[in-house]
Amino acid sequence: NHPEFVHSLVLTGSSGLYENAMGA
């Protein structure tokens, strides 16, 4: 949404695709 504000990105254990969380 705001690419002009961000220089670079660091992701660690990120959700956004799929995850096995504590459950529903």
PDBML (XML) file of the C-alpha atoms, coordinates in Angstrom:
<?xml version="1.0" encoding="UTF-8" ?>
<PDBx:datablock datablockName="MODEL"
   xmlns:PDBx="http://pdbml.pdb.org/schema/pdbx-v50.xsd"
   xmlns:xsi="http://www.w3.org/2001/XMLSchema-instance"
   xsi:schemaLocation="http://pdbml.pdb.org/schema/pdbx-v50.xsd pdbx-v50.xsd">
   <PDBx:atom_siteCategory>
      <PDBx:atom_site id="1">
         <PDBx:B_iso_or_equiv>0.00</PDBx:B_iso_or_equiv>
         <PDBx:Cartn_x>0.000</PDBx:Cartn_x>
         <PDBx:Cartn_y>0.000</PDBx:Cartn_y>
         <PDBx:Cartn_z>0.000</PDBx:Cartn_z>
         <PDBx:auth_asym_id>A</PDBx:auth_asym_id>
         <PDBx:auth_atom_id>CA</PDBx:auth_atom_id>
         <PDBx:auth_comp_id>ASN</PDBx:auth_comp_id>
         <PDBx:auth_seq_id>1</PDBx:auth_seq_id>
         <PDBx:group_PDB>ATOM</PDBx:group_PDB>
         <PDBx:label_alt_id xsi:nil="true" />
         <PDBx:label_asym_id>A</PDBx:label_asym_id>
         <PDBx:label_atom_id>CA</PDBx:label_atom_id>
         <PDBx:label_comp_id>ASN</PDBx:label_comp_id>
         <PDBx:label_entity_id>1</PDBx:label_entity_id>
         <PDBx:label_seq_id>1</PDBx:label_seq_id>
         <PDBx:occupancy>1.00</PDBx:occupancy>
         <PDBx:pdbx_PDB_model_num>1</PDBx:pdbx_PDB_model_num>
         <PDBx:type_symbol>C</PDBx:type_symbol>
      </PDBx:atom_site>
      <PDBx:atom_site id="2">
         <PDBx:B_iso_or_equiv>0.00</PDBx:B_iso_or_equiv>
         <PDBx:Cartn_x>2.879</PDBx:Cartn_x>
         <PDBx:Cartn_y>2.411</PDBx:Cartn_y>
         <PDBx:Cartn_z>0.688</PDBx:Cartn_z>
         <PDBx:auth_asym_id>A</PDBx:auth_asym_id>
         <PDBx:auth_atom_id>CA</PDBx:auth_atom_id>
         <PDBx:auth_comp_id>HIS</PDBx:auth_comp_id>
         <PDBx:auth_seq_id>2</PDBx:auth_seq_id>
         <PDBx:group_PDB>ATOM</PDBx:group_PDB>
         <PDBx:label_alt_id xsi:nil="true" />
         <PDBx:label_asym_id>A</PDBx:label_asym_id>
         <PDBx:label_atom_id>CA</PDBx:label_atom_id>
         <PDBx:label_comp_id>HIS</PDBx:label_comp_id>
         <PDBx:label_entity_id>1</PDBx:label_entity_id>
         <PDBx:label_seq_id>2</PDBx:label_seq_id>
         <PDBx:occupancy>1.00</PDBx:occupancy>
         <PDBx:pdbx_PDB_model_num>1</PDBx:pdbx_PDB_model_num>
         <PDBx:type_symbol>C</PDBx:type_symbol>
      </PDBx:atom_site>
      <PDBx:atom_site id="3">
         <PDBx:B_iso_or_equiv>0.00</PDBx:B_iso_or_equiv>
         <PDBx:Cartn_x>5.973</PDBx:Cartn_x>
         <PDBx:Cartn_y>1.250</PDBx:Cartn_y>
         <PDBx:Cartn_z>-1.230</PDBx:Cartn_z>
         <PDBx:auth_asym_id>A</PDBx:auth_asym_id>
         <PDBx:auth_atom_id>CA</PDBx:auth_atom_id>
         <PDBx:auth_comp_id>PRO</PDBx:auth_comp_id>
         <PDBx:auth_seq_id>3</PDBx:auth_seq_id>
         <PDBx:group_PDB>ATOM</PDBx:group_PDB>
         <PDBx:label_alt_id xsi:nil="true" />
         <PDBx:label_asym_id>A</PDBx:label_asym_id>
         <PDBx:label_atom_id>CA</PDBx:label_atom_id>
         <PDBx:label_comp_id>PRO</PDBx:label_comp_id>
         <PDBx:label_entity_id>1</PDBx:label_entity_id>
         <PDBx:label_seq_id>3</PDBx:label_seq_id>
         <PDBx:occupancy>1.00</PDBx:occupancy>
         <PDBx:pdbx_PDB_model_num>1</PDBx:pdbx_PDB_model_num>
         <PDBx:type_symbol>C</PDBx:type_symbol>
      </PDBx:atom_site>
      <PDBx:atom_site id="4">
         <PDBx:B_iso_or_equiv>0.00</PDBx:B_iso_or_equiv>
         <PDBx:Cartn_x>7.308</PDBx:Cartn_x>
         <PDBx:Cartn_y>4.799</PDBx:Cartn_y>
         <PDBx:Cartn_z>-1.403</PDBx:Cartn_z>
         <PDBx:auth_asym_id>A</PDBx:auth_asym_id>
         <PDBx:auth_atom_id>CA</PDBx:auth_atom_id>
         <PDBx:auth_comp_id>GLU</PDBx:auth_comp_id>
         <PDBx:auth_seq_id>4</PDBx:auth_seq_id>
         <PDBx:group_PDB>ATOM</PDBx:group_PDB>
         <PDBx:label_alt_id xsi:nil="true" />
         <PDBx:label_asym_id>A</PDBx:label_asym_id>
         <PDBx:label_atom_id>CA</PDBx:label_atom_id>
         <PDBx:label_comp_id>GLU</PDBx:label_comp_id>
         <PDBx:label_entity_id>1</PDBx:label_entity_id>
         <PDBx:label_seq_id>4</PDBx:label_seq_id>
         <PDBx:occupancy>1.00</PDBx:occupancy>
         <PDBx:pdbx_PDB_model_num>1</PDBx:pdbx_PDB_model_num>
         <PDBx:type_symbol>C</PDBx:type_symbol>
      </PDBx:atom_site>
      <PDBx:atom_site id="5">
         <PDBx:B_iso_or_equiv>0.00</PDBx:B_iso_or_equiv>
         <PDBx:Cartn_x>7.780</PDBx:Cartn_x>
         <PDBx:Cartn_y>4.836</PDBx:Cartn_y>
         <PDBx:Cartn_z>2.384</PDBx:Cartn_z>
         <PDBx:auth_asym_id>A</PDBx:auth_asym_id>
         <PDBx:auth_atom_id>CA</PDBx:auth_atom_id>
         <PDBx:auth_comp_id>PHE</PDBx:auth_comp_id>
         <PDBx:auth_seq_id>5</PDBx:auth_seq_id>
         <PDBx:group_PDB>ATOM</PDBx:group_PDB>
         <PDBx:label_alt_id xsi:nil="true" />
         <PDBx:label_asym_id>A</PDBx:label_asym_id>
         <PDBx:label_atom_id>CA</PDBx:label_atom_id>
         <PDBx:label_comp_id>PHE</PDBx:label_comp_id>
         <PDBx:label_entity_id>1</PDBx:label_entity_id>
         <PDBx:label_seq_id>5</PDBx:label_seq_id>
         <PDBx:occupancy>1.00</PDBx:occupancy>
         <PDBx:pdbx_PDB_model_num>1</PDBx:pdbx_PDB_model_num>
         <PDBx:type_symbol>C</PDBx:type_symbol>
      </PDBx:atom_site>
      <PDBx:atom_site id="6">
         <PDBx:B_iso_or_equiv>0.00</PDBx:B_iso_or_equiv>
         <PDBx:Cartn_x>9.806</PDBx:Cartn_x>
         <PDBx:Cartn_y>1.618</PDBx:Cartn_y>
         <PDBx:Cartn_z>2.650</PDBx:Cartn_z>
         <PDBx:auth_asym_id>A</PDBx:auth_asym_id>
         <PDBx:auth_atom_id>CA</PDBx:auth_atom_id>
         <PDBx:auth_comp_id>VAL</PDBx:auth_comp_id>
         <PDBx:auth_seq_id>6</PDBx:auth_seq_id>
         <PDBx:group_PDB>ATOM</PDBx:group_PDB>
         <PDBx:label_alt_id xsi:nil="true" />
         <PDBx:label_asym_id>A</PDBx:label_asym_id>
         <PDBx:label_atom_id>CA</PDBx:label_atom_id>
         <PDBx:label_comp_id>VAL</PDBx:label_comp_id>
         <PDBx:label_entity_id>1</PDBx:label_entity_id>
         <PDBx:label_seq_id>6</PDBx:label_seq_id>
         <PDBx:occupancy>1.00</PDBx:occupancy>
         <PDBx:pdbx_PDB_model_num>1</PDBx:pdbx_PDB_model_num>
         <PDBx:type_symbol>C</PDBx:type_symbol>
      </PDBx:atom_site>
      <PDBx:atom_site id="7">
         <PDBx:B_iso_or_equiv>0.00</PDBx:B_iso_or_equiv>
         <PDBx:Cartn_x>13.451</PDBx:Cartn_x>
         <PDBx:Cartn_y>1.234</PDBx:Cartn_y>
         <PDBx:Cartn_z>1.718</PDBx:Cartn_z>
         <PDBx:auth_asym_id>A</PDBx:auth_asym_id>
         <PDBx:auth_atom_id>CA</PDBx:auth_atom_id>
         <PDBx:auth_comp_id>HIS</PDBx:auth_comp_id>
         <PDBx:auth_seq_id>7</PDBx:auth_seq_id>
         <PDBx:group_PDB>ATOM</PDBx:group_PDB>
         <PDBx:label_alt_id xsi:nil="true" />
         <PDBx:label_asym_id>A</PDBx:label_asym_id>
         <PDBx:label_atom_id>CA</PDBx:label_atom_id>
         <PDBx:label_comp_id>HIS</PDBx:label_comp_id>
         <PDBx:label_entity_id>1</PDBx:label_entity_id>
         <PDBx:label_seq_id>7</PDBx:label_seq_id>
         <PDBx:occupancy>1.00</PDBx:occupancy>
         <PDBx:pdbx_PDB_model_num>1</PDBx:pdbx_PDB_model_num>
         <PDBx:type_symbol>C</PDBx:type_symbol>
      </PDBx:atom_site>
      <PDBx:atom_site id="8">
         <PDBx:B_iso_or_equiv>0.00</PDBx:B_iso_or_equiv>
         <PDBx:Cartn_x>13.822</PDBx:Cartn_x>
         <PDBx:Cartn_y>-2.508</PDBx:Cartn_y>
         <PDBx:Cartn_z>2.385</PDBx:Cartn_z>
         <PDBx:auth_asym_id>A</PDBx:auth_asym_id>
         <PDBx:auth_atom_id>CA</PDBx:auth_atom_id>
         <PDBx:auth_comp_id>SER</PDBx:auth_comp_id>
         <PDBx:auth_seq_id>8</PDBx:auth_seq_id>
         <PDBx:group_PDB>ATOM</PDBx:group_PDB>
         <PDBx:label_alt_id xsi:nil="true" />
         <PDBx:label_asym_id>A</PDBx:label_asym_id>
         <PDBx:label_atom_id>CA</PDBx:label_atom_id>
         <PDBx:label_comp_id>SER</PDBx:label_comp_id>
         <PDBx:label_entity_id>1</PDBx:label_entity_id>
         <PDBx:label_seq_id>8</PDBx:label_seq_id>
         <PDBx:occupancy>1.00</PDBx:occupancy>
         <PDBx:pdbx_PDB_model_num>1</PDBx:pdbx_PDB_model_num>
         <PDBx:type_symbol>C</PDBx:type_symbol>
      </PDBx:atom_site>
      <PDBx:atom_site id="9">
         <PDBx:B_iso_or_equiv>0.00</PDBx:B_iso_or_equiv>
         <PDBx:Cartn_x>12.064</PDBx:Cartn_x>
         <PDBx:Cartn_y>-5.364</PDBx:Cartn_y>
         <PDBx:Cartn_z>4.109</PDBx:Cartn_z>
         <PDBx:auth_asym_id>A</PDBx:auth_asym_id>
         <PDBx:auth_atom_id>CA</PDBx:auth_atom_id>
         <PDBx:auth_comp_id>LEU</PDBx:auth_comp_id>
         <PDBx:auth_seq_id>9</PDBx:auth_seq_id>
         <PDBx:group_PDB>ATOM</PDBx:group_PDB>
         <PDBx:label_alt_id xsi:nil="true" />
         <PDBx:label_asym_id>A</PDBx:label_asym_id>
         <PDBx:label_atom_id>CA</PDBx:label_atom_id>
         <PDBx:label_comp_id>LEU</PDBx:label_comp_id>
         <PDBx:label_entity_id>1</PDBx:label_entity_id>
         <PDBx:label_seq_id>9</PDBx:label_seq_id>
         <PDBx:occupancy>1.00</PDBx:occupancy>
         <PDBx:pdbx_PDB_model_num>1</PDBx:pdbx_PDB_model_num>
         <PDBx:type_symbol>C</PDBx:type_symbol>
      </PDBx:atom_site>
      <PDBx:atom_site id="10">
         <PDBx:B_iso_or_equiv>0.00</PDBx:B_iso_or_equiv>
         <PDBx:Cartn_x>13.082</PDBx:Cartn_x>
         <PDBx:Cartn_y>-8.092</PDBx:Cartn_y>
         <PDBx:Cartn_z>6.587</PDBx:Cartn_z>
         <PDBx:auth_asym_id>A</PDBx:auth_asym_id>
         <PDBx:auth_atom_id>CA</PDBx:auth_atom_id>
         <PDBx:auth_comp_id>VAL</PDBx:auth_comp_id>
         <PDBx:auth_seq_id>10</PDBx:auth_seq_id>
         <PDBx:group_PDB>ATOM</PDBx:group_PDB>
         <PDBx:label_alt_id xsi:nil="true" />
         <PDBx:label_asym_id>A</PDBx:label_asym_id>
         <PDBx:label_atom_id>CA</PDBx:label_atom_id>
         <PDBx:label_comp_id>VAL</PDBx:label_comp_id>
         <PDBx:label_entity_id>1</PDBx:label_entity_id>
         <PDBx:label_seq_id>10</PDBx:label_seq_id>
         <PDBx:occupancy>1.00</PDBx:occupancy>
         <PDBx:pdbx_PDB_model_num>1</PDBx:pdbx_PDB_model_num>
         <PDBx:type_symbol>C</PDBx:type_symbol>
      </PDBx:atom_site>
      <PDBx:atom_site id="11">
         <PDBx:B_iso_or_equiv>0.00</PDBx:B_iso_or_equiv>
         <PDBx:Cartn_x>10.795</PDBx:Cartn_x>
         <PDBx:Cartn_y>-11.068</PDBx:Cartn_y>
         <PDBx:Cartn_z>7.286</PDBx:Cartn_z>
         <PDBx:auth_asym_id>A</PDBx:auth_asym_id>
         <PDBx:auth_atom_id>CA</PDBx:auth_atom_id>
         <PDBx:auth_comp_id>LEU</PDBx:auth_comp_id>
         <PDBx:auth_seq_id>11</PDBx:auth_seq_id>
         <PDBx:group_PDB>ATOM</PDBx:group_PDB>
         <PDBx:label_alt_id xsi:nil="true" />
         <PDBx:label_asym_id>A</PDBx:label_asym_id>
         <PDBx:label_atom_id>CA</PDBx:label_atom_id>
         <PDBx:label_comp_id>LEU</PDBx:label_comp_id>
         <PDBx:label_entity_id>1</PDBx:label_entity_id>
         <PDBx:label_seq_id>11</PDBx:label_seq_id>
         <PDBx:occupancy>1.00</PDBx:occupancy>
         <PDBx:pdbx_PDB_model_num>1</PDBx:pdbx_PDB_model_num>
         <PDBx:type_symbol>C</PDBx:type_symbol>
      </PDBx:atom_site>
      <PDBx:atom_site id="12">
         <PDBx:B_iso_or_equiv>0.00</PDBx:B_iso_or_equiv>
         <PDBx:Cartn_x>11.355</PDBx:Cartn_x>
         <PDBx:Cartn_y>-13.738</PDBx:Cartn_y>
         <PDBx:Cartn_z>9.912</PDBx:Cartn_z>
         <PDBx:auth_asym_id>A</PDBx:auth_asym_id>
         <PDBx:auth_atom_id>CA</PDBx:auth_atom_id>
         <PDBx:auth_comp_id>THR</PDBx:auth_comp_id>
         <PDBx:auth_seq_id>12</PDBx:auth_seq_id>
         <PDBx:group_PDB>ATOM</PDBx:group_PDB>
         <PDBx:label_alt_id xsi:nil="true" />
         <PDBx:label_asym_id>A</PDBx:label_asym_id>
         <PDBx:label_atom_id>CA</PDBx:label_atom_id>
         <PDBx:label_comp_id>THR</PDBx:label_comp_id>
         <PDBx:label_entity_id>1</PDBx:label_entity_id>
         <PDBx:label_seq_id>12</PDBx:label_seq_id>
         <PDBx:occupancy>1.00</PDBx:occupancy>
         <PDBx:pdbx_PDB_model_num>1</PDBx:pdbx_PDB_model_num>
         <PDBx:type_symbol>C</PDBx:type_symbol>
      </PDBx:atom_site>
      <PDBx:atom_site id="13">
         <PDBx:B_iso_or_equiv>0.00</PDBx:B_iso_or_equiv>
         <PDBx:Cartn_x>8.829</PDBx:Cartn_x>
         <PDBx:Cartn_y>-16.517</PDBx:Cartn_y>
         <PDBx:Cartn_z>10.489</PDBx:Cartn_z>
         <PDBx:auth_asym_id>A</PDBx:auth_asym_id>
         <PDBx:auth_atom_id>CA</PDBx:auth_atom_id>
         <PDBx:auth_comp_id>GLY</PDBx:auth_comp_id>
         <PDBx:auth_seq_id>13</PDBx:auth_seq_id>
         <PDBx:group_PDB>ATOM</PDBx:group_PDB>
         <PDBx:label_alt_id xsi:nil="true" />
         <PDBx:label_asym_id>A</PDBx:label_asym_id>
         <PDBx:label_atom_id>CA</PDBx:label_atom_id>
         <PDBx:label_comp_id>GLY</PDBx:label_comp_id>
         <PDBx:label_entity_id>1</PDBx:label_entity_id>
         <PDBx:label_seq_id>13</PDBx:label_seq_id>
         <PDBx:occupancy>1.00</PDBx:occupancy>
         <PDBx:pdbx_PDB_model_num>1</PDBx:pdbx_PDB_model_num>
         <PDBx:type_symbol>C</PDBx:type_symbol>
      </PDBx:atom_site>
      <PDBx:atom_site id="14">
         <PDBx:B_iso_or_equiv>0.00</PDBx:B_iso_or_equiv>
         <PDBx:Cartn_x>6.316</PDBx:Cartn_x>
         <PDBx:Cartn_y>-14.365</PDBx:Cartn_y>
         <PDBx:Cartn_z>8.629</PDBx:Cartn_z>
         <PDBx:auth_asym_id>A</PDBx:auth_asym_id>
         <PDBx:auth_atom_id>CA</PDBx:auth_atom_id>
         <PDBx:auth_comp_id>SER</PDBx:auth_comp_id>
         <PDBx:auth_seq_id>14</PDBx:auth_seq_id>
         <PDBx:group_PDB>ATOM</PDBx:group_PDB>
         <PDBx:label_alt_id xsi:nil="true" />
         <PDBx:label_asym_id>A</PDBx:label_asym_id>
         <PDBx:label_atom_id>CA</PDBx:label_atom_id>
         <PDBx:label_comp_id>SER</PDBx:label_comp_id>
         <PDBx:label_entity_id>1</PDBx:label_entity_id>
         <PDBx:label_seq_id>14</PDBx:label_seq_id>
         <PDBx:occupancy>1.00</PDBx:occupancy>
         <PDBx:pdbx_PDB_model_num>1</PDBx:pdbx_PDB_model_num>
         <PDBx:type_symbol>C</PDBx:type_symbol>
      </PDBx:atom_site>
      <PDBx:atom_site id="15">
         <PDBx:B_iso_or_equiv>0.00</PDBx:B_iso_or_equiv>
         <PDBx:Cartn_x>2.723</PDBx:Cartn_x>
         <PDBx:Cartn_y>-15.306</PDBx:Cartn_y>
         <PDBx:Cartn_z>8.013</PDBx:Cartn_z>
         <PDBx:auth_asym_id>A</PDBx:auth_asym_id>
         <PDBx:auth_atom_id>CA</PDBx:auth_atom_id>
         <PDBx:auth_comp_id>SER</PDBx:auth_comp_id>
         <PDBx:auth_seq_id>15</PDBx:auth_seq_id>
         <PDBx:group_PDB>ATOM</PDBx:group_PDB>
         <PDBx:label_alt_id xsi:nil="true" />
         <PDBx:label_asym_id>A</PDBx:label_asym_id>
         <PDBx:label_atom_id>CA</PDBx:label_atom_id>
         <PDBx:label_comp_id>SER</PDBx:label_comp_id>
         <PDBx:label_entity_id>1</PDBx:label_entity_id>
         <PDBx:label_seq_id>15</PDBx:label_seq_id>
         <PDBx:occupancy>1.00</PDBx:occupancy>
         <PDBx:pdbx_PDB_model_num>1</PDBx:pdbx_PDB_model_num>
         <PDBx:type_symbol>C</PDBx:type_symbol>
      </PDBx:atom_site>
      <PDBx:atom_site id="16">
         <PDBx:B_iso_or_equiv>0.00</PDBx:B_iso_or_equiv>
         <PDBx:Cartn_x>1.114</PDBx:Cartn_x>
         <PDBx:Cartn_y>-14.234</PDBx:Cartn_y>
         <PDBx:Cartn_z>4.759</PDBx:Cartn_z>
         <PDBx:auth_asym_id>A</PDBx:auth_asym_id>
         <PDBx:auth_atom_id>CA</PDBx:auth_atom_id>
         <PDBx:auth_comp_id>GLY</PDBx:auth_comp_id>
         <PDBx:auth_seq_id>16</PDBx:auth_seq_id>
         <PDBx:group_PDB>ATOM</PDBx:group_PDB>
         <PDBx:label_alt_id xsi:nil="true" />
         <PDBx:label_asym_id>A</PDBx:label_asym_id>
         <PDBx:label_atom_id>CA</PDBx:label_atom_id>
         <PDBx:label_comp_id>GLY</PDBx:label_comp_id>
         <PDBx:label_entity_id>1</PDBx:label_entity_id>
         <PDBx:label_seq_id>16</PDBx:label_seq_id>
         <PDBx:occupancy>1.00</PDBx:occupancy>
         <PDBx:pdbx_PDB_model_num>1</PDBx:pdbx_PDB_model_num>
         <PDBx:type_symbol>C</PDBx:type_symbol>
      </PDBx:atom_site>
      <PDBx:atom_site id="17">
         <PDBx:B_iso_or_equiv>0.00</PDBx:B_iso_or_equiv>
         <PDBx:Cartn_x>1.245</PDBx:Cartn_x>
         <PDBx:Cartn_y>-17.527</PDBx:Cartn_y>
         <PDBx:Cartn_z>2.880</PDBx:Cartn_z>
         <PDBx:auth_asym_id>A</PDBx:auth_asym_id>
         <PDBx:auth_atom_id>CA</PDBx:auth_atom_id>
         <PDBx:auth_comp_id>LEU</PDBx:auth_comp_id>
         <PDBx:auth_seq_id>17</PDBx:auth_seq_id>
         <PDBx:group_PDB>ATOM</PDBx:group_PDB>
         <PDBx:label_alt_id xsi:nil="true" />
         <PDBx:label_asym_id>A</PDBx:label_asym_id>
         <PDBx:label_atom_id>CA</PDBx:label_atom_id>
         <PDBx:label_comp_id>LEU</PDBx:label_comp_id>
         <PDBx:label_entity_id>1</PDBx:label_entity_id>
         <PDBx:label_seq_id>17</PDBx:label_seq_id>
         <PDBx:occupancy>1.00</PDBx:occupancy>
         <PDBx:pdbx_PDB_model_num>1</PDBx:pdbx_PDB_model_num>
         <PDBx:type_symbol>C</PDBx:type_symbol>
      </PDBx:atom_site>
      <PDBx:atom_site id="18">
         <PDBx:B_iso_or_equiv>0.00</PDBx:B_iso_or_equiv>
         <PDBx:Cartn_x>0.255</PDBx:Cartn_x>
         <PDBx:Cartn_y>-20.190</PDBx:Cartn_y>
         <PDBx:Cartn_z>5.399</PDBx:Cartn_z>
         <PDBx:auth_asym_id>A</PDBx:auth_asym_id>
         <PDBx:auth_atom_id>CA</PDBx:auth_atom_id>
         <PDBx:auth_comp_id>TYR</PDBx:auth_comp_id>
         <PDBx:auth_seq_id>18</PDBx:auth_seq_id>
         <PDBx:group_PDB>ATOM</PDBx:group_PDB>
         <PDBx:label_alt_id xsi:nil="true" />
         <PDBx:label_asym_id>A</PDBx:label_asym_id>
         <PDBx:label_atom_id>CA</PDBx:label_atom_id>
         <PDBx:label_comp_id>TYR</PDBx:label_comp_id>
         <PDBx:label_entity_id>1</PDBx:label_entity_id>
         <PDBx:label_seq_id>18</PDBx:label_seq_id>
         <PDBx:occupancy>1.00</PDBx:occupancy>
         <PDBx:pdbx_PDB_model_num>1</PDBx:pdbx_PDB_model_num>
         <PDBx:type_symbol>C</PDBx:type_symbol>
      </PDBx:atom_site>
      <PDBx:atom_site id="19">
         <PDBx:B_iso_or_equiv>0.00</PDBx:B_iso_or_equiv>
         <PDBx:Cartn_x>1.061</PDBx:Cartn_x>
         <PDBx:Cartn_y>-21.183</PDBx:Cartn_y>
         <PDBx:Cartn_z>8.949</PDBx:Cartn_z>
         <PDBx:auth_asym_id>A</PDBx:auth_asym_id>
         <PDBx:auth_atom_id>CA</PDBx:auth_atom_id>
         <PDBx:auth_comp_id>GLU</PDBx:auth_comp_id>
         <PDBx:auth_seq_id>19</PDBx:auth_seq_id>
         <PDBx:group_PDB>ATOM</PDBx:group_PDB>
         <PDBx:label_alt_id xsi:nil="true" />
         <PDBx:label_asym_id>A</PDBx:label_asym_id>
         <PDBx:label_atom_id>CA</PDBx:label_atom_id>
         <PDBx:label_comp_id>GLU</PDBx:label_comp_id>
         <PDBx:label_entity_id>1</PDBx:label_entity_id>
         <PDBx:label_seq_id>19</PDBx:label_seq_id>
         <PDBx:occupancy>1.00</PDBx:occupancy>
         <PDBx:pdbx_PDB_model_num>1</PDBx:pdbx_PDB_model_num>
         <PDBx:type_symbol>C</PDBx:type_symbol>
      </PDBx:atom_site>
      <PDBx:atom_site id="20">
         <PDBx:B_iso_or_equiv>0.00</PDBx:B_iso_or_equiv>
         <PDBx:Cartn_x>0.416</PDBx:Cartn_x>
         <PDBx:Cartn_y>-23.827</PDBx:Cartn_y>
         <PDBx:Cartn_z>11.580</PDBx:Cartn_z>
         <PDBx:auth_asym_id>A</PDBx:auth_asym_id>
         <PDBx:auth_atom_id>CA</PDBx:auth_atom_id>
         <PDBx:auth_comp_id>ASN</PDBx:auth_comp_id>
         <PDBx:auth_seq_id>20</PDBx:auth_seq_id>
         <PDBx:group_PDB>ATOM</PDBx:group_PDB>
         <PDBx:label_alt_id xsi:nil="true" />
         <PDBx:label_asym_id>A</PDBx:label_asym_id>
         <PDBx:label_atom_id>CA</PDBx:label_atom_id>
         <PDBx:label_comp_id>ASN</PDBx:label_comp_id>
         <PDBx:label_entity_id>1</PDBx:label_entity_id>
         <PDBx:label_seq_id>20</PDBx:label_seq_id>
         <PDBx:occupancy>1.00</PDBx:occupancy>
         <PDBx:pdbx_PDB_model_num>1</PDBx:pdbx_PDB_model_num>
         <PDBx:type_symbol>C</PDBx:type_symbol>
      </PDBx:atom_site>
      <PDBx:atom_site id="21">
         <PDBx:B_iso_or_equiv>0.00</PDBx:B_iso_or_equiv>
         <PDBx:Cartn_x>-0.705</PDBx:Cartn_x>
         <PDBx:Cartn_y>-21.648</PDBx:Cartn_y>
         <PDBx:Cartn_z>14.461</PDBx:Cartn_z>
         <PDBx:auth_asym_id>A</PDBx:auth_asym_id>
         <PDBx:auth_atom_id>CA</PDBx:auth_atom_id>
         <PDBx:auth_comp_id>ALA</PDBx:auth_comp_id>
         <PDBx:auth_seq_id>21</PDBx:auth_seq_id>
         <PDBx:group_PDB>ATOM</PDBx:group_PDB>
         <PDBx:label_alt_id xsi:nil="true" />
         <PDBx:label_asym_id>A</PDBx:label_asym_id>
         <PDBx:label_atom_id>CA</PDBx:label_atom_id>
         <PDBx:label_comp_id>ALA</PDBx:label_comp_id>
         <PDBx:label_entity_id>1</PDBx:label_entity_id>
         <PDBx:label_seq_id>21</PDBx:label_seq_id>
         <PDBx:occupancy>1.00</PDBx:occupancy>
         <PDBx:pdbx_PDB_model_num>1</PDBx:pdbx_PDB_model_num>
         <PDBx:type_symbol>C</PDBx:type_symbol>
      </PDBx:atom_site>
      <PDBx:atom_site id="22">
         <PDBx:B_iso_or_equiv>0.00</PDBx:B_iso_or_equiv>
         <PDBx:Cartn_x>-2.342</PDBx:Cartn_x>
         <PDBx:Cartn_y>-22.636</PDBx:Cartn_y>
         <PDBx:Cartn_z>17.729</PDBx:Cartn_z>
         <PDBx:auth_asym_id>A</PDBx:auth_asym_id>
         <PDBx:auth_atom_id>CA</PDBx:auth_atom_id>
         <PDBx:auth_comp_id>MET</PDBx:auth_comp_id>
         <PDBx:auth_seq_id>22</PDBx:auth_seq_id>
         <PDBx:group_PDB>ATOM</PDBx:group_PDB>
         <PDBx:label_alt_id xsi:nil="true" />
         <PDBx:label_asym_id>A</PDBx:label_asym_id>
         <PDBx:label_atom_id>CA</PDBx:label_atom_id>
         <PDBx:label_comp_id>MET</PDBx:label_comp_id>
         <PDBx:label_entity_id>1</PDBx:label_entity_id>
         <PDBx:label_seq_id>22</PDBx:label_seq_id>
         <PDBx:occupancy>1.00</PDBx:occupancy>
         <PDBx:pdbx_PDB_model_num>1</PDBx:pdbx_PDB_model_num>
         <PDBx:type_symbol>C</PDBx:type_symbol>
      </PDBx:atom_site>
      <PDBx:atom_site id="23">
         <PDBx:B_iso_or_equiv>0.00</PDBx:B_iso_or_equiv>
         <PDBx:Cartn_x>-5.398</PDBx:Cartn_x>
         <PDBx:Cartn_y>-23.495</PDBx:Cartn_y>
         <PDBx:Cartn_z>15.716</PDBx:Cartn_z>
         <PDBx:auth_asym_id>A</PDBx:auth_asym_id>
         <PDBx:auth_atom_id>CA</PDBx:auth_atom_id>
         <PDBx:auth_comp_id>GLY</PDBx:auth_comp_id>
         <PDBx:auth_seq_id>23</PDBx:auth_seq_id>
         <PDBx:group_PDB>ATOM</PDBx:group_PDB>
         <PDBx:label_alt_id xsi:nil="true" />
         <PDBx:label_asym_id>A</PDBx:label_asym_id>
         <PDBx:label_atom_id>CA</PDBx:label_atom_id>
         <PDBx:label_comp_id>GLY</PDBx:label_comp_id>
         <PDBx:label_entity_id>1</PDBx:label_entity_id>
         <PDBx:label_seq_id>23</PDBx:label_seq_id>
         <PDBx:occupancy>1.00</PDBx:occupancy>
         <PDBx:pdbx_PDB_model_num>1</PDBx:pdbx_PDB_model_num>
         <PDBx:type_symbol>C</PDBx:type_symbol>
      </PDBx:atom_site>
      <PDBx:atom_site id="24">
         <PDBx:B_iso_or_equiv>0.00</PDBx:B_iso_or_equiv>
         <PDBx:Cartn_x>-8.771</PDBx:Cartn_x>
         <PDBx:Cartn_y>-21.898</PDBx:Cartn_y>
         <PDBx:Cartn_z>15.152</PDBx:Cartn_z>
         <PDBx:auth_asym_id>A</PDBx:auth_asym_id>
         <PDBx:auth_atom_id>CA</PDBx:auth_atom_id>
         <PDBx:auth_comp_id>ALA</PDBx:auth_comp_id>
         <PDBx:auth_seq_id>24</PDBx:auth_seq_id>
         <PDBx:group_PDB>ATOM</PDBx:group_PDB>
         <PDBx:label_alt_id xsi:nil="true" />
         <PDBx:label_asym_id>A</PDBx:label_asym_id>
         <PDBx:label_atom_id>CA</PDBx:label_atom_id>
         <PDBx:label_comp_id>ALA</PDBx:label_comp_id>
         <PDBx:label_entity_id>1</PDBx:label_entity_id>
         <PDBx:label_seq_id>24</PDBx:label_seq_id>
         <PDBx:occupancy>1.00</PDBx:occupancy>
         <PDBx:pdbx_PDB_model_num>1</PDBx:pdbx_PDB_model_num>
         <PDBx:type_symbol>C</PDBx:type_symbol>
      </PDBx:atom_site>
   </PDBx:atom_siteCategory>
</PDBx:datablock>
